[in-house]
C-alpha atoms as a PDB file:
ATOM      1  CA  MET A   1      77.665  90.504  61.762  1.00  0.00           C
ATOM      2  CA  ALA A   2      74.066  91.300  62.812  1.00  0.00           C
ATOM      3  CA  GLY A   3      74.480  88.962  65.810  1.00  0.00           C
ATOM      4  CA  ASN A   4      77.606  90.707  66.786  1.00  0.00           C
ATOM      5  CA  ARG A   5      75.994  94.154  66.732  1.00  0.00           C
ATOM      6  CA  ALA A   6      73.020  92.587  68.877  1.00  0.00           C
ATOM      7  CA  GLU A   7      75.809  91.538  71.334  1.00  0.00           C
ATOM      8  CA  ILE A   8      77.545  94.914  71.418  1.00  0.00           C
ATOM      9  CA  ARG A   9      74.076  96.681  71.567  1.00  0.00           C
ATOM     10  CA  ALA A  10      73.047  94.543  74.668  1.00  0.00           C
ATOM     11  CA  HIS A  11      76.534  95.075  76.372  1.00  0.00           C
ATOM     12  CA  ILE A  12      76.087  98.875  75.924  1.00  0.00           C
ATOM     13  CA  ARG A  13      72.772  98.782  77.525  1.00  0.00           C
ATOM     14  CA  SER A  14      73.948  96.820  80.386  1.00  0.00           C
ATOM     15  CA  ILE A  15      76.909  99.068  81.133  1.00  0.00           C
ATOM     16  CA  ALA A  16      74.707 102.248  80.808  1.00  0.00           C
ATOM     17  CA  GLN A  17      72.478 100.794  83.546  1.00  0.00           C
ATOM     18  CA  THR A  18      75.382 100.279  85.954  1.00  0.00           C
ATOM     19  CA  ARG A  19      76.759 103.508  85.048  1.00  0.00           C
ATOM     20  CA  LYS A  20      73.590 105.133  86.235  1.00  0.00           C
ATOM     21  CA  ILE A  21      73.883 103.352  89.561  1.00  0.00           C
ATOM     22  CA  THR A  22      77.565 104.044  90.286  1.00  0.00           C
ATOM     23  CA  ASP A  23      77.018 107.721  89.287  1.00  0.00           C
ATOM     24  CA  ALA A  24      74.018 107.890  91.558  1.00  0.00           C
ATOM     25  CA  MET A  25      76.022 106.483  94.454  1.00  0.00           C
ATOM     26  CA  GLN A  26      78.892 108.818  93.856  1.00  0.00           C
ATOM     27  CA  LEU A  27      76.439 111.781  94.122  1.00  0.00           C
ATOM     28  CA  ILE A  28      75.027 110.215  97.473  1.00  0.00           C
ATOM     29  CA  SER A  29      78.524 109.694  98.789  1.00  0.00           C
ATOM     30  CA  GLY A  30      79.435 113.102  98.319  1.00  0.00           C
ATOM     31  CA  VAL A  31      76.471 114.528  99.991  1.00  0.00           C
ATOM     32  CA  MET A  32      77.069 112.198 102.775  1.00  0.00           C
ATOM     33  CA  LEU A  33      80.880 112.986 102.817  1.00  0.00           C
ATOM     34  CA  ASN A  34      80.177 116.898 103.207  1.00  0.00           C
ATOM     35  CA  LYS A  35      77.810 115.969 106.225  1.00  0.00           C
ATOM     36  CA  GLU A  36      80.403 113.639 107.920  1.00  0.00           C
ATOM     37  CA  MET A  37      83.145 116.267 107.233  1.00  0.00           C
ATOM     38  CA  ALA A  38      81.352 119.024 109.180  1.00  0.00           C
ATOM     39  CA  ASN A  39      80.675 116.620 111.858  1.00  0.00           C
ATOM     40  CA  HIS A  40      84.165 115.460 112.102  1.00  0.00           C
ATOM     41  CA  HIS A  41      85.470 118.977 112.312  1.00  0.00           C
ATOM     42  CA  ARG A  42      83.275 119.705 115.070  1.00  0.00           C
ATOM     43  CA  VAL A  43      83.853 116.576 117.027  1.00  0.00           C
ATOM     44  CA  ALA A  44      87.762 116.744 116.447  1.00  0.00           C
ATOM     45  CA  ALA A  45      87.922 120.167 117.884  1.00  0.00           C
ATOM     46  CA  TYR A  46      85.910 119.474 120.952  1.00  0.00           C
ATOM     47  CA  ALA A  47      87.926 116.245 121.554  1.00  0.00           C
ATOM     48  CA  ARG A  48      91.341 118.252 121.253  1.00  0.00           C
ATOM     49  CA  GLU A  49      90.137 120.728 123.693  1.00  0.00           C
ATOM     50  CA  VAL A  50      89.081 117.843 126.143  1.00  0.00           C
ATOM     51  CA  ARG A  51      92.608 116.349 125.750  1.00  0.00           C
ATOM     52  CA  LEU A  52      94.358 119.420 126.469  1.00  0.00           C
ATOM     53  CA  ALA A  53      92.254 120.141 129.524  1.00  0.00           C
ATOM     54  CA  THR A  54      92.711 116.687 130.893  1.00  0.00           C
ATOM     55  CA  LYS A  55      96.642 117.243 130.315  1.00  0.00           C
ATOM     56  CA  ASP A  56      96.695 120.515 132.019  1.00  0.00           C
ATOM     57  CA  ALA A  57      94.717 118.951 135.090  1.00  0.00           C
ATOM     58  CA  LEU A  58      97.106 116.131 135.238  1.00  0.00           C
ATOM     59  CA  ALA A  59     100.088 117.975 134.930  1.00  0.00           C
ATOM     60  CA  ASN A  60      98.817 120.045 138.141  1.00  0.00           C
ATOM     61  CA  CYS A  61      98.141 117.407 140.250  1.00  0.00           C
ATOM     62  CA  GLU A  62     100.796 115.009 139.867  1.00  0.00           C
ATOM     63  CA  ASP A  63     100.194 113.316 143.428  1.00  0.00           C
ATOM     64  CA  VAL A  64      96.640 112.172 142.239  1.00  0.00           C
ATOM     65  CA  GLU A  65      96.599 108.382 141.888  1.00  0.00           C
ATOM     66  CA  HIS A  66      93.713 107.009 140.063  1.00  0.00           C
ATOM     67  CA  PRO A  67      93.296 103.440 138.224  1.00  0.00           C
ATOM     68  CA  TYR A  68      92.621 105.280 134.842  1.00  0.00           C
ATOM     69  CA  LEU A  69      96.133 106.581 135.174  1.00  0.00           C
ATOM     70  CA  LYS A  70      98.113 103.299 135.798  1.00  0.00           C
ATOM     71  CA  LYS A  71     100.879 102.400 133.283  1.00  0.00           C
ATOM     72  CA  ASP A  72     101.727  98.898 134.320  1.00  0.00           C
ATOM     73  CA  GLY A  73      98.431  97.005 133.604  1.00  0.00           C
ATOM     74  CA  GLU A  74      98.643  93.349 133.320  1.00  0.00           C
ATOM     75  CA  GLY A  75      95.408  92.744 131.918  1.00  0.00           C
ATOM     76  CA  ALA A  76      94.304  91.772 128.356  1.00  0.00           C
ATOM     77  CA  ARG A  77      94.632  94.031 125.415  1.00  0.00           C
ATOM     78  CA  TYR A  78      91.303  95.398 124.074  1.00  0.00           C
ATOM     79  CA  VAL A  79      91.013  96.534 120.843  1.00  0.00           C
ATOM     80  CA  LEU A  80      88.003  98.326 119.317  1.00  0.00           C
ATOM     81  CA  TYR A  81      87.845  97.929 115.378  1.00  0.00           C
ATOM     82  CA  ILE A  82      85.793 100.492 113.547  1.00  0.00           C
ATOM     83  CA  GLY A  83      85.086  99.104 110.114  1.00  0.00           C
ATOM     84  CA  SER A  84      81.947  99.612 107.686  1.00  0.00           C
ATOM     85  CA  ASP A  85      78.644  97.844 107.244  1.00  0.00           C
ATOM     86  CA  LEU A  86      78.823  98.036 103.280  1.00  0.00           C
ATOM     87  CA  GLY A  87      81.281  97.431 100.489  1.00  0.00           C
ATOM     88  CA  MET A  88      81.675  99.431  97.189  1.00  0.00           C
ATOM     89  CA  CYS A  89      84.150 101.719  99.080  1.00  0.00           C
ATOM     90  CA  GLY A  90      87.575 100.659  97.128  1.00  0.00           C
ATOM     91  CA  SER A  91      90.376  99.627  99.244  1.00  0.00           C
ATOM     92  CA  TYR A  92      88.924 100.966 102.518  1.00  0.00           C
ATOM     93  CA  ASN A  93      87.908  97.628 104.123  1.00  0.00           C
ATOM     94  CA  GLY A  94      90.863  95.626 102.739  1.00  0.00           C
ATOM     95  CA  ASN A  95      93.379  98.140 103.882  1.00  0.00           C
ATOM     96  CA  LEU A  96      91.946  98.164 107.491  1.00  0.00           C
ATOM     97  CA  THR A  97      92.097  94.394 107.570  1.00  0.00           C
ATOM     98  CA  ARG A  98      95.541  94.064 106.307  1.00  0.00           C
ATOM     99  CA  TYR A  99      96.616  96.879 108.932  1.00  0.00           C
ATOM    100  CA  LEU A 100      94.896  94.696 111.735  1.00  0.00           C
ATOM    101  CA  VAL A 101      97.029  91.538 110.759  1.00  0.00           C
ATOM    102  CA  SER A 102     100.096  93.470 110.467  1.00  0.00           C
ATOM    103  CA  GLU A 103      99.817  95.422 113.628  1.00  0.00           C
ATOM    104  CA  ILE A 104      97.736  93.361 115.995  1.00  0.00           C
ATOM    105  CA  PRO A 105      98.463  89.998 117.637  1.00  0.00           C
ATOM    106  CA  GLN A 106      95.728  87.477 117.228  1.00  0.00           C
ATOM    107  CA  ASP A 107      95.392  87.057 121.130  1.00  0.00           C
ATOM    108  CA  VAL A 108      93.923  90.421 121.744  1.00  0.00           C
ATOM    109  CA  GLU A 109      90.441  90.711 122.787  1.00  0.00           C
ATOM    110  CA  LEU A 110      89.044  92.360 119.662  1.00  0.00           C
ATOM    111  CA  HIS A 111      85.534  94.107 119.336  1.00  0.00           C
ATOM    112  CA  VAL A 112      84.185  95.040 115.791  1.00  0.00           C
ATOM    113  CA  LEU A 113      81.914  97.735 114.970  1.00  0.00           C
ATOM    114  CA  GLY A 114      80.584  97.321 111.398  1.00  0.00           C
ATOM    115  CA  THR A 115      79.349  94.164 109.785  1.00  0.00           C
ATOM    116  CA  ASN A 116      81.296  94.036 106.561  1.00  0.00           C
ATOM    117  CA  GLN A 117      84.450  92.370 107.693  1.00  0.00           C
ATOM    118  CA  TYR A 118      83.418  89.737 110.270  1.00  0.00           C
ATOM    119  CA  ARG A 119      84.153  86.779 107.887  1.00  0.00           C
ATOM    120  CA  MET A 120      87.419  88.264 106.613  1.00  0.00           C
ATOM    121  CA  ILE A 121      88.820  89.041 110.177  1.00  0.00           C
ATOM    122  CA  THR A 122      87.906  85.552 111.248  1.00  0.00           C
ATOM    123  CA  SER A 123      89.508  83.987 108.501  1.00  0.00           C
ATOM    124  CA  GLU A 124      92.714  85.728 109.469  1.00  0.00           C
ATOM    125  CA  GLY A 125      92.778  83.908 112.598  1.00  0.00           C
ATOM    126  CA  PHE A 126      91.144  86.520 115.030  1.00  0.00           C
ATOM    127  CA  THR A 127      88.608  85.824 117.439  1.00  0.00           C
ATOM    128  CA  ILE A 128      85.643  88.494 117.610  1.00  0.00           C
ATOM    129  CA  ALA A 129      84.346  88.832 121.136  1.00  0.00           C
ATOM    130  CA  ASN A 130      81.116  90.468 120.126  1.00  0.00           C
ATOM    131  CA  GLU A 131      78.147  89.600 117.986  1.00  0.00           C
ATOM    132  CA  PRO A 132      77.750  91.709 114.803  1.00  0.00           C
ATOM    133  CA  ILE A 133      77.072  95.341 115.233  1.00  0.00           C
ATOM    134  CA  SER A 134      76.078  97.746 112.524  1.00  0.00           C
ATOM    135  CA  SER A 135      78.065 100.910 112.899  1.00  0.00           C
ATOM    136  CA  ALA A 136      75.480 102.816 111.060  1.00  0.00           C
ATOM    137  CA  ASP A 137      72.916 101.954 113.873  1.00  0.00           C
ATOM    138  CA  LEU A 138      75.033 103.261 116.688  1.00  0.00           C
ATOM    139  CA  THR A 139      74.551 106.407 118.333  1.00  0.00           C
ATOM    140  CA  GLN A 140      76.735 108.764 120.475  1.00  0.00           C
ATOM    141  CA  ALA A 141      75.057 107.049 123.548  1.00  0.00           C
ATOM    142  CA  ASP A 142      75.904 103.481 122.321  1.00  0.00           C
ATOM    143  CA  LEU A 143      79.486 104.593 121.879  1.00  0.00           C
ATOM    144  CA  LYS A 144      79.698 106.100 125.245  1.00  0.00           C
ATOM    145  CA  GLN A 145      78.318 103.026 126.856  1.00  0.00           C
ATOM    146  CA  ILE A 146      80.998 100.810 125.143  1.00  0.00           C
ATOM    147  CA  ALA A 147      83.779 103.266 126.192  1.00  0.00           C
ATOM    148  CA  ASP A 148      82.497 103.311 129.708  1.00  0.00           C
ATOM    149  CA  GLU A 149      82.338  99.321 130.053  1.00  0.00           C
ATOM    150  CA  ALA A 150      86.037  99.381 128.884  1.00  0.00           C
ATOM    151  CA  LEU A 151      86.788 102.200 131.312  1.00  0.00           C
ATOM    152  CA  GLU A 152      85.477  99.964 134.141  1.00  0.00           C
ATOM    153  CA  ARG A 153      87.121  96.978 133.129  1.00  0.00           C
ATOM    154  CA  PHE A 154      90.465  98.860 132.987  1.00  0.00           C
ATOM    155  CA  ALA A 155      90.048 100.332 136.339  1.00  0.00           C
ATOM    156  CA  ALA A 156      89.253  96.836 137.584  1.00  0.00           C
ATOM    157  CA  GLY A 157      92.461  95.404 136.343  1.00  0.00           C
ATOM    158  CA  GLU A 158      90.633  93.152 133.849  1.00  0.00           C
ATOM    159  CA  LEU A 159      92.238  95.126 130.818  1.00  0.00           C
ATOM    160  CA  GLY A 160      95.887  96.397 130.540  1.00  0.00           C
ATOM    161  CA  GLN A 161      95.351  98.581 127.370  1.00  0.00           C
ATOM    162  CA  VAL A 162      92.416  99.767 125.408  1.00  0.00           C
ATOM    163  CA  ASP A 163      93.172 101.036 121.816  1.00  0.00           C
ATOM    164  CA  VAL A 164      91.063 102.126 118.766  1.00  0.00           C
ATOM    165  CA  LEU A 165      91.796 100.869 115.341  1.00  0.00           C
ATOM    166  CA  TYR A 166      90.210 102.947 112.697  1.00  0.00           C
ATOM    167  CA  THR A 167      90.922 105.010 109.401  1.00  0.00           C
ATOM    168  CA  ARG A 168      92.391 108.251 109.841  1.00  0.00           C
ATOM    169  CA  TYR A 169      91.100 110.877 107.617  1.00  0.00           C
ATOM    170  CA  VAL A 170      93.863 112.942 105.990  1.00  0.00           C
ATOM    171  CA  ASN A 171      91.964 114.658 102.937  1.00  0.00           C
ATOM    172  CA  PRO A 172      89.090 113.699 100.449  1.00  0.00           C
ATOM    173  CA  VAL A 173      91.678 111.551  98.413  1.00  0.00           C
ATOM    174  CA  MET A 174      93.771 110.087 101.274  1.00  0.00           C
ATOM    175  CA  PHE A 175      92.907 108.187 104.492  1.00  0.00           C
ATOM    176  CA  GLU A 176      95.120 105.652 106.226  1.00  0.00           C
ATOM    177  CA  PRO A 177      94.577 102.990 109.050  1.00  0.00           C
ATOM    178  CA  ALA A 178      95.624 104.035 112.447  1.00  0.00           C
ATOM    179  CA  ILE A 179      95.572 103.065 116.088  1.00  0.00           C
ATOM    180  CA  VAL A 180      94.910 105.214 118.899  1.00  0.00           C
ATOM    181  CA  ARG A 181      95.473 104.410 122.454  1.00  0.00           C
ATOM    182  CA  LEU A 182      92.857 105.087 124.820  1.00  0.00           C
ATOM    183  CA  LEU A 183      94.317 103.753 128.172  1.00  0.00           C
ATOM    184  CA  PRO A 184      96.463 103.952 129.765  1.00  0.00           C
ATOM    185  CA  LEU A 185      97.089 107.668 128.922  1.00  0.00           C
ATOM    186  CA  ALA A 186      99.994 108.140 126.608  1.00  0.00           C
ATOM    187  CA  ASP A 187     102.805 110.366 128.094  1.00  0.00           C
ATOM    188  CA  ASP A 188     103.347 112.252 124.825  1.00  0.00           C
ATOM    189  CA  GLU A 189      99.834 113.315 124.298  1.00  0.00           C
ATOM    190  CA  ASP A 190      99.751 116.562 122.311  1.00  0.00           C
ATOM    191  CA  GLY A 191     103.370 116.789 123.448  1.00  0.00           C
ATOM    192  CA  ASN A 192     104.000 120.030 121.536  1.00  0.00           C
ATOM    193  CA  ASP A 193     101.529 121.866 123.827  1.00  0.00           C
ATOM    194  CA  THR A 194     102.603 123.418 127.263  1.00  0.00           C
ATOM    195  CA  PRO A 195     100.378 122.802 130.148  1.00  0.00           C
ATOM    196  CA  GLY A 196      98.629 125.629 131.715  1.00  0.00           C
ATOM    197  CA  TYR A 197      98.091 126.236 135.446  1.00  0.00           C
ATOM    198  CA  VAL A 198      94.828 124.505 136.732  1.00  0.00           C
ATOM    199  CA  TYR A 199      93.686 124.787 140.295  1.00  0.00           C
ATOM    200  CA  LEU A 200      91.549 121.729 141.054  1.00  0.00           C
ATOM    201  CA  GLU A 201      88.688 122.326 143.726  1.00  0.00           C
ATOM    202  CA  PRO A 202      87.127 120.629 145.793  1.00  0.00           C
ATOM    203  CA  ASP A 203      88.109 117.156 144.885  1.00  0.00           C
ATOM    204  CA  PRO A 204      91.134 116.789 142.428  1.00  0.00           C
ATOM    205  CA  VAL A 205      90.483 113.046 142.243  1.00  0.00           C
ATOM    206  CA  ALA A 206      87.039 113.325 141.192  1.00  0.00           C
ATOM    207  CA  ILE A 207      87.833 115.969 138.635  1.00  0.00           C
ATOM    208  CA  VAL A 208      90.732 113.967 137.036  1.00  0.00           C
ATOM    209  CA  GLU A 209      88.431 110.892 136.850  1.00  0.00           C
ATOM    210  CA  SER A 210      85.610 112.972 135.125  1.00  0.00           C
ATOM    211  CA  LEU A 211      88.202 114.547 132.773  1.00  0.00           C
ATOM    212  CA  VAL A 212      89.602 111.238 132.071  1.00  0.00           C
ATOM    213  CA  LYS A 213      86.384 109.576 131.323  1.00  0.00           C
ATOM    214  CA  LEU A 214      85.274 112.418 129.018  1.00  0.00           C
ATOM    215  CA  MET A 215      88.620 112.216 127.263  1.00  0.00           C
ATOM    216  CA  VAL A 216      88.216 108.610 126.522  1.00  0.00           C
ATOM    217  CA  GLU A 217      84.655 108.914 125.452  1.00  0.00           C
ATOM    218  CA  THR A 218      85.224 111.970 123.156  1.00  0.00           C
ATOM    219  CA  THR A 219      88.433 110.376 121.698  1.00  0.00           C
ATOM    220  CA  PHE A 220      86.584 107.302 120.795  1.00  0.00           C
ATOM    221  CA  TYR A 221      83.584 109.069 119.352  1.00  0.00           C
ATOM    222  CA  SER A 222      86.121 111.355 117.449  1.00  0.00           C
ATOM    223  CA  ALA A 223      87.791 108.291 115.768  1.00  0.00           C
ATOM    224  CA  PHE A 224      84.205 106.727 115.069  1.00  0.00           C
ATOM    225  CA  VAL A 225      83.268 109.839 113.178  1.00  0.00           C
ATOM    226  CA  GLU A 226      86.429 110.276 111.439  1.00  0.00           C
ATOM    227  CA  ALA A 227      86.178 106.642 110.201  1.00  0.00           C
ATOM    228  CA  ARG A 228      82.882 107.220 108.872  1.00  0.00           C
ATOM    229  CA  THR A 229      84.141 110.310 106.888  1.00  0.00           C
ATOM    230  CA  SER A 230      86.959 108.245 105.499  1.00  0.00           C
ATOM    231  CA  GLU A 231      84.523 105.628 104.392  1.00  0.00           C
ATOM    232  CA  GLN A 232      82.477 108.195 102.489  1.00  0.00           C
ATOM    233  CA  ALA A 233      85.412 109.691 100.806  1.00  0.00           C
ATOM    234  CA  SER A 234      86.752 106.203  99.783  1.00  0.00           C
ATOM    235  CA  ARG A 235      83.281 105.149  98.392  1.00  0.00           C
ATOM    236  CA  GLN A 236      82.997 108.517  96.519  1.00  0.00           C
ATOM    237  CA  LEU A 237      86.403 107.852  94.752  1.00  0.00           C
ATOM    238  CA  ALA A 238      85.475 104.409  94.120  1.00  0.00           C
ATOM    239  CA  MET A 239      82.185 105.172  92.640  1.00  0.00           C
ATOM    240  CA  LYS A 240      84.095 108.092  90.577  1.00  0.00           C
ATOM    241  CA  ALA A 241      86.369 105.477  89.346  1.00  0.00           C
ATOM    242  CA  ALA A 242      83.599 103.003  88.320  1.00  0.00           C
ATOM    243  CA  THR A 243      81.707 105.854  86.414  1.00  0.00           C
ATOM    244  CA  ASP A 244      84.732 106.809  84.645  1.00  0.00           C
ATOM    245  CA  ASN A 245      85.701 103.398  83.591  1.00  0.00           C
ATOM    246  CA  ALA A 246      82.132 102.946  82.400  1.00  0.00           C
ATOM    247  CA  ASN A 247      82.192 105.898  80.277  1.00  0.00           C
ATOM    248  CA  GLU A 248      85.528 104.741  78.692  1.00  0.00           C
ATOM    249  CA  LEU A 249      84.046 101.318  77.993  1.00  0.00           C
ATOM    250  CA  LEU A 250      80.864 102.781  76.648  1.00  0.00           C
ATOM    251  CA  ASP A 251      82.929 105.077  74.279  1.00  0.00           C
ATOM    252  CA  LYS A 252      85.000 101.871  73.095  1.00  0.00           C
ATOM    253  CA  LEU A 253      81.903  99.884  72.638  1.00  0.00           C
ATOM    254  CA  THR A 254      79.942 102.600  70.713  1.00  0.00           C
ATOM    255  CA  LEU A 255      83.011 102.862  68.176  1.00  0.00           C
ATOM    256  CA  GLN A 256      82.857  98.943  67.775  1.00  0.00           C
ATOM    257  CA  TYR A 257      79.096  98.991  67.317  1.00  0.00           C
ATOM    258  CA  ASN A 258      79.361 101.710  64.817  1.00  0.00           C
ATOM    259  CA  GLN A 259      82.407  99.873  62.998  1.00  0.00           C
ATOM    260  CA  ALA A 260      80.109  96.692  62.706  1.00  0.00           C
ATOM    261  CA  ARG A 261      77.292  98.719  61.585  1.00  0.00           C
ATOM    262  CA  GLN A 262      79.368 100.423  59.028  1.00  0.00           C
ATOM    263  CA  ALA A 263      80.854  97.100  57.809  1.00  0.00           C
ATOM    264  CA  GLU A 264      77.262  95.568  57.640  1.00  0.00           C
ATOM    265  CA  ILE A 265      76.016  98.408  55.502  1.00  0.00           C
ATOM    266  CA  THR A 266      79.126  98.252  53.276  1.00  0.00           C
ATOM    267  CA  GLN A 267      78.599  94.409  52.842  1.00  0.00           C
ATOM    268  CA  GLU A 268      75.060  95.024  52.004  1.00  0.00           C
ATOM    269  CA  ILE A 269      75.811  97.755  49.323  1.00  0.00           C
ATOM    270  CA  THR A 270      78.550  95.413  48.043  1.00  0.00           C
ATOM    271  CA  GLU A 271      75.963  92.574  47.498  1.00  0.00           C
ATOM    272  CA  ILE A 272      73.449  94.861  45.782  1.00  0.00           C
ATOM    273  CA  VAL A 273      76.050  96.200  43.420  1.00  0.00           C
ATOM    274  CA  GLY A 274      77.333  92.545  42.813  1.00  0.00           C
ATOM    275  CA  GLY A 275      73.736  91.386  42.072  1.00  0.00           C
ATOM    276  CA  ALA A 276      72.936  94.437  39.735  1.00  0.00           C
ATOM    277  CA  GLY A 277      76.109  93.574  37.819  1.00  0.00           C
ATOM    278  CA  ALA A 278      74.979  90.107  37.339  1.00  0.00           C
ATOM    279  CA  LEU A 279      71.959  91.264  35.655  1.00  0.00           C
END
């Protein structure tokens, strides 16, 4: 019985240490989530205004022709996959990979941001076109460069479609994988908004080119920020669930420990009483 108590006590110590880690990670994820949410709201609002301005400009210069606006590209499909660098974030990585497998053909040109899922994606039959890139180390300038390279290749006819696959943030307990088309421009982009009148001077083509480039860059950056927000929300939920499970398991083990201790004490008392009776 004493050996059983020692095992339970060691198990309790181990789980208590794990609970400290998950509890600390939950607090850290909460702080980071608040930071990412604030950034997400700012960037999403700016990206929406850029899309509206681009839509207004295109609606008022229908005769403008530009490679970014072509609809019949014959080049390869280019997909930017925004994943995570770390695990311990619940089903975040698994859901994103399953969505990739179900929605994207394996012959696309796939570029992955985030180092966590390289092996998993490769095992699903996809060929990743880039070397591992840590998403945590990427700056807005880095993302702009990635978007600009895709724009140049699309304009040259090397790419026929450019998409971003990421995790859309719905609320702190709900986030879902999604695909956003960057190029060619979708006809129904913000379809509920009526275009305003815009007079473009002095060069409508140059203005449209600048707006389209800015829209692609901001949409890509907005998706990146939203994905980071979803990751932190998922990690906070996962760590909260782990902490709650640890607390529940500690309660059960503590009860078992007390029962074993009580049984041991009862046995000792019985032996003492039995020994006294024998005298």
